[in-house]
Amino acid sequence: MILAIENAIPASDAAPTGVAERIVRRSLAKREGEYANEVRRLLDAALEVMQRCGTASRPRVADIVAAAGLSNDAFYRHFKSKDDLVTALLDDGGERLRSYLEHQLAKETSPEDQVGRWVEGVLAQAVGDVAATTLAVMWNGGSAAAGLAAGRHFASAPVATLLHKPFAALGSVAPELDARLAAHATFGLLSDLLWEGAEPARAEVDRVTAFCLHAVTRGA
């Protein structure tokens, strides 16, 4: 009897059943997973192509799509332009660096040692293969959409927040501002090292750490 009544209701007027909702959610979840995979492949391919090109040339969308093994339709499904993808790649790199430094700071208990870990981790971006990759991404970021501060490392702002707690523990009366200043100084040196093709000496790492600690403690 109930089945007969339900079948009498026009499909356009009937509310979605539990089965229908589950099927829709399953389909959406599958598509979401496929799209996430496409985006990851495009980001990884862009990084790979940029590493290969270095600062000699900027890759085209066609180069990135070919390296990802995807179509132009897949690219433009997620990004409006190459600059849009580069911006996403910069954000992704900033998040990865922040996650790495957060893990490094967690190994230390004293705020002084945490600041040291932070400085060392930031300047490590100028060492080995990481240096070439970082420089290539920054160079390509120079043509990205507005909103990226010209001349500033793409991870400076998000990574600076990791210094808020250590600086506050050291007695800083303005830990957020002090963290921004420390980030500008440290990332500025990093940019110089990258463009010079030089790696930071141990003495430079220690000097930058001492500089940050001195500025914060003297200010307090």
Protein backbone atom coordinates (compact mmCIF):
# COMPACT_ATOMS: atom_id res chain seq x y z
CA MET A 1 0.00 0.00 0.00
CA ILE A 2 2.78 2.44 0.93
CA LEU A 3 4.70 1.52 -2.24
CA ALA A 4 1.62 2.20 -4.32
CA ILE A 5 1.17 5.63 -2.75
CA GLU A 6 4.85 6.54 -3.27
CA ASN A 7 4.73 5.42 -6.88
CA ALA A 8 1.74 7.66 -7.41
CA ILE A 9 3.79 10.76 -6.46
CA PRO A 10 5.38 12.41 -9.53
CA ALA A 11 9.17 12.08 -9.43
CA SER A 12 9.61 15.84 -9.73
CA ASP A 13 7.55 16.42 -6.56
CA ALA A 14 9.01 13.68 -4.40
CA ALA A 15 11.72 14.47 -1.83
CA PRO A 16 15.07 12.68 -2.35
CA THR A 17 15.10 9.30 -0.65
CA GLY A 18 17.87 8.10 1.62
CA VAL A 19 19.14 5.84 -1.16
CA ALA A 20 19.25 8.73 -3.64
CA GLU A 21 21.14 10.93 -1.22
CA ARG A 22 23.68 8.21 -0.54
CA ILE A 23 24.26 7.64 -4.24
CA VAL A 24 24.70 11.39 -4.86
CA ARG A 25 27.16 11.70 -1.96
CA ARG A 26 29.10 8.70 -3.25
CA SER A 27 29.28 10.16 -6.74
CA LEU A 28 30.38 13.55 -5.42
CA ALA A 29 33.01 11.98 -3.18
CA LYS A 30 34.40 10.03 -6.12
CA ARG A 31 34.53 13.15 -8.30
CA GLU A 32 36.10 15.16 -5.48
CA GLY A 33 38.82 12.53 -5.14
CA GLU A 34 39.45 12.53 -8.89
CA TYR A 35 39.67 16.33 -8.99
CA ALA A 36 42.01 16.44 -5.99
CA ASN A 37 44.25 13.96 -7.78
CA GLU A 38 44.23 16.13 -10.91
CA VAL A 39 45.22 19.24 -8.95
CA ARG A 40 48.02 17.38 -7.16
CA ARG A 41 49.35 16.08 -10.48
CA LEU A 42 49.29 19.56 -11.99
CA LEU A 43 51.09 21.10 -9.01
CA ASP A 44 53.74 18.36 -8.97
CA ALA A 45 54.19 18.64 -12.74
CA ALA A 46 54.55 22.42 -12.54
CA LEU A 47 57.23 22.04 -9.88
CA GLU A 48 59.04 19.42 -11.95
CA VAL A 49 59.02 21.58 -15.10
CA MET A 50 60.12 24.67 -13.18
CA GLN A 51 63.02 22.73 -11.67
CA ARG A 52 64.05 21.68 -15.17
CA CYS A 53 63.76 25.19 -16.64
CA GLY A 54 65.38 26.95 -13.68
CA THR A 55 65.62 30.68 -14.30
CA ALA A 56 66.32 30.28 -18.01
CA SER A 57 62.68 30.17 -19.13
CA ARG A 58 59.18 30.03 -17.73
CA PRO A 59 57.14 26.92 -18.62
CA ARG A 60 53.95 27.14 -20.66
CA VAL A 61 50.62 25.61 -19.74
CA ALA A 62 51.22 23.03 -22.49
CA ASP A 63 54.50 21.99 -20.83
CA ILE A 64 52.82 21.52 -17.46
CA VAL A 65 49.83 19.64 -18.88
CA ALA A 66 52.12 17.31 -20.83
CA ALA A 67 54.25 16.59 -17.75
CA ALA A 68 51.09 15.85 -15.72
CA GLY A 69 49.69 13.57 -18.42
CA LEU A 70 46.41 15.49 -18.41
CA SER A 71 44.39 17.55 -20.87
CA ASN A 72 43.90 21.30 -21.26
CA ASP A 73 40.32 20.76 -20.10
CA ALA A 74 41.62 19.30 -16.83
CA PHE A 75 43.94 22.27 -16.35
CA TYR A 76 41.29 24.92 -16.92
CA ARG A 77 38.81 23.01 -14.79
CA HIS A 78 40.90 24.00 -11.77
CA PHE A 79 42.94 27.06 -12.80
CA LYS A 80 42.03 30.22 -14.68
CA SER A 81 45.56 30.69 -16.00
CA LYS A 82 49.18 29.66 -15.49
CA ASP A 83 49.58 32.51 -13.01
CA ASP A 84 46.68 31.05 -11.02
CA LEU A 85 48.48 27.72 -10.86
CA VAL A 86 51.77 29.40 -9.88
CA THR A 87 49.97 31.19 -7.04
CA ALA A 88 48.58 27.85 -5.84
CA LEU A 89 52.07 26.33 -6.09
CA LEU A 90 53.49 29.15 -3.96
CA ASP A 91 50.76 28.62 -1.36
CA ASP A 92 51.48 24.88 -1.38
CA GLY A 93 55.21 25.49 -0.90
CA GLY A 94 54.52 27.91 1.95
CA GLU A 95 52.31 25.37 3.69
CA ARG A 96 54.92 22.64 3.31
CA LEU A 97 57.69 24.83 4.70
CA ARG A 98 55.51 25.92 7.60
CA SER A 99 54.63 22.29 8.41
CA TYR A 100 58.32 21.31 8.30
CA LEU A 101 59.37 24.16 10.59
CA GLU A 102 56.51 23.48 12.97
CA HIS A 103 57.81 19.93 13.32
CA GLN A 104 61.35 21.21 13.93
CA LEU A 105 60.25 23.68 16.61
CA ALA A 106 58.33 20.94 18.40
CA LYS A 107 61.64 19.17 19.07
CA GLU A 108 62.79 22.01 21.33
CA THR A 109 61.49 23.13 24.72
CA SER A 110 63.22 26.47 25.21
CA PRO A 111 62.15 29.51 23.15
CA GLU A 112 65.79 30.32 22.35
CA ASP A 113 66.34 26.89 20.79
CA GLN A 114 63.04 27.16 18.93
CA VAL A 115 64.16 30.43 17.35
CA GLY A 116 67.43 28.75 16.39
CA ARG A 117 65.58 25.86 14.76
CA TRP A 118 63.39 28.32 12.88
CA VAL A 119 66.33 30.29 11.48
CA GLU A 120 68.21 27.14 10.55
CA GLY A 121 65.16 25.66 8.81
CA VAL A 122 64.48 28.80 6.80
CA LEU A 123 68.08 29.21 5.63
CA ALA A 124 68.23 25.50 4.77
CA GLN A 125 66.14 26.41 1.71
CA ALA A 126 69.41 27.68 0.20
CA VAL A 127 71.16 24.31 0.49
CA GLY A 128 71.57 21.68 -2.24
CA ASP A 129 68.79 20.75 -4.64
CA VAL A 130 66.25 22.56 -2.49
CA ALA A 131 67.95 25.85 -3.35
CA ALA A 132 67.51 25.43 -7.10
CA THR A 133 63.87 24.47 -6.68
CA THR A 134 63.12 27.35 -4.31
CA LEU A 135 64.78 29.86 -6.64
CA ALA A 136 62.90 28.54 -9.68
CA VAL A 137 59.55 28.78 -7.90
CA MET A 138 60.29 32.30 -6.65
CA TRP A 139 61.37 33.36 -10.14
CA ASN A 140 58.18 32.04 -11.69
CA GLY A 141 56.22 33.68 -8.88
CA GLY A 142 57.45 37.03 -10.12
CA SER A 143 54.91 36.82 -12.95
CA ALA A 144 52.05 35.54 -10.81
CA ALA A 145 48.86 37.36 -9.99
CA ALA A 146 48.71 40.49 -7.87
CA GLY A 147 48.68 39.89 -4.14
CA LEU A 148 52.11 38.36 -3.94
CA ALA A 149 54.43 40.99 -2.54
CA ALA A 150 57.16 41.72 -5.05
CA GLY A 151 60.60 40.73 -3.81
CA ARG A 152 59.28 38.88 -0.76
CA HIS A 153 59.65 35.15 -0.29
CA PHE A 154 56.28 33.42 -0.73
CA ALA A 155 56.43 31.72 2.69
CA SER A 156 57.51 34.74 4.75
CA ALA A 157 54.11 35.65 6.19
CA PRO A 158 52.77 32.17 7.13
CA VAL A 159 56.13 31.02 8.51
CA ALA A 160 56.56 34.16 10.64
CA THR A 161 53.58 33.16 12.79
CA LEU A 162 55.63 30.27 14.21
CA LEU A 163 57.75 32.83 16.07
CA HIS A 164 54.83 34.40 17.93
CA LYS A 165 54.94 32.04 20.92
CA PRO A 166 58.73 31.85 21.32
CA PHE A 167 59.04 35.64 21.09
CA ALA A 168 56.23 36.13 23.62
CA ALA A 169 57.95 33.67 25.97
CA LEU A 170 61.17 35.67 25.59
CA GLY A 171 59.36 38.78 26.80
CA SER A 172 58.56 40.54 23.52
CA VAL A 173 55.89 43.22 24.01
CA ALA A 174 54.95 42.95 20.32
CA PRO A 175 55.63 39.33 19.28
CA GLU A 176 53.63 39.54 16.05
CA LEU A 177 55.51 42.59 14.80
CA ASP A 178 58.85 41.23 16.01
CA ALA A 179 58.13 37.98 14.17
CA ARG A 180 57.43 39.87 10.94
CA LEU A 181 60.68 41.82 11.29
CA ALA A 182 62.66 38.65 11.99
CA ALA A 183 61.06 36.97 8.99
CA HIS A 184 61.90 39.89 6.70
CA ALA A 185 65.54 39.81 7.85
CA THR A 186 65.92 36.03 7.59
CA PHE A 187 64.07 35.59 4.31
CA GLY A 188 65.93 38.59 2.91
CA LEU A 189 69.23 36.86 3.59
CA LEU A 190 67.77 33.64 2.12
CA SER A 191 66.87 35.47 -1.11
CA ASP A 192 70.40 36.93 -1.33
CA LEU A 193 71.93 33.48 -0.86
CA LEU A 194 69.67 31.93 -3.49
CA TRP A 195 70.49 34.53 -6.14
CA GLU A 196 74.21 34.36 -5.31
CA GLY A 197 74.16 30.57 -5.49
CA ALA A 198 75.70 30.41 -2.01
CA GLU A 199 74.88 28.21 0.96
CA PRO A 200 74.61 29.65 4.48
CA ALA A 201 77.64 29.11 6.67
CA ARG A 202 77.13 27.87 10.23
CA ALA A 203 78.38 31.23 11.47
CA GLU A 204 75.68 33.02 9.44
CA VAL A 205 72.94 30.84 10.89
CA ASP A 206 74.20 31.49 14.41
CA ARG A 207 74.54 35.21 13.73
CA VAL A 208 70.98 35.56 12.44
CA THR A 209 69.70 33.61 15.46
CA ALA A 210 71.64 35.85 17.84
CA PHE A 211 70.40 38.92 15.97
CA CYS A 212 66.75 37.86 16.41
CA LEU A 213 67.18 36.96 20.07
CA HIS A 214 69.05 40.16 20.84
CA ALA A 215 66.42 42.32 19.16
CA VAL A 216 63.60 40.66 21.07
CA THR A 217 65.23 40.55 24.50
CA ARG A 218 66.60 44.09 24.26
CA GLY A 219 63.18 45.32 23.20
CA ALA A 220 61.62 43.60 26.18
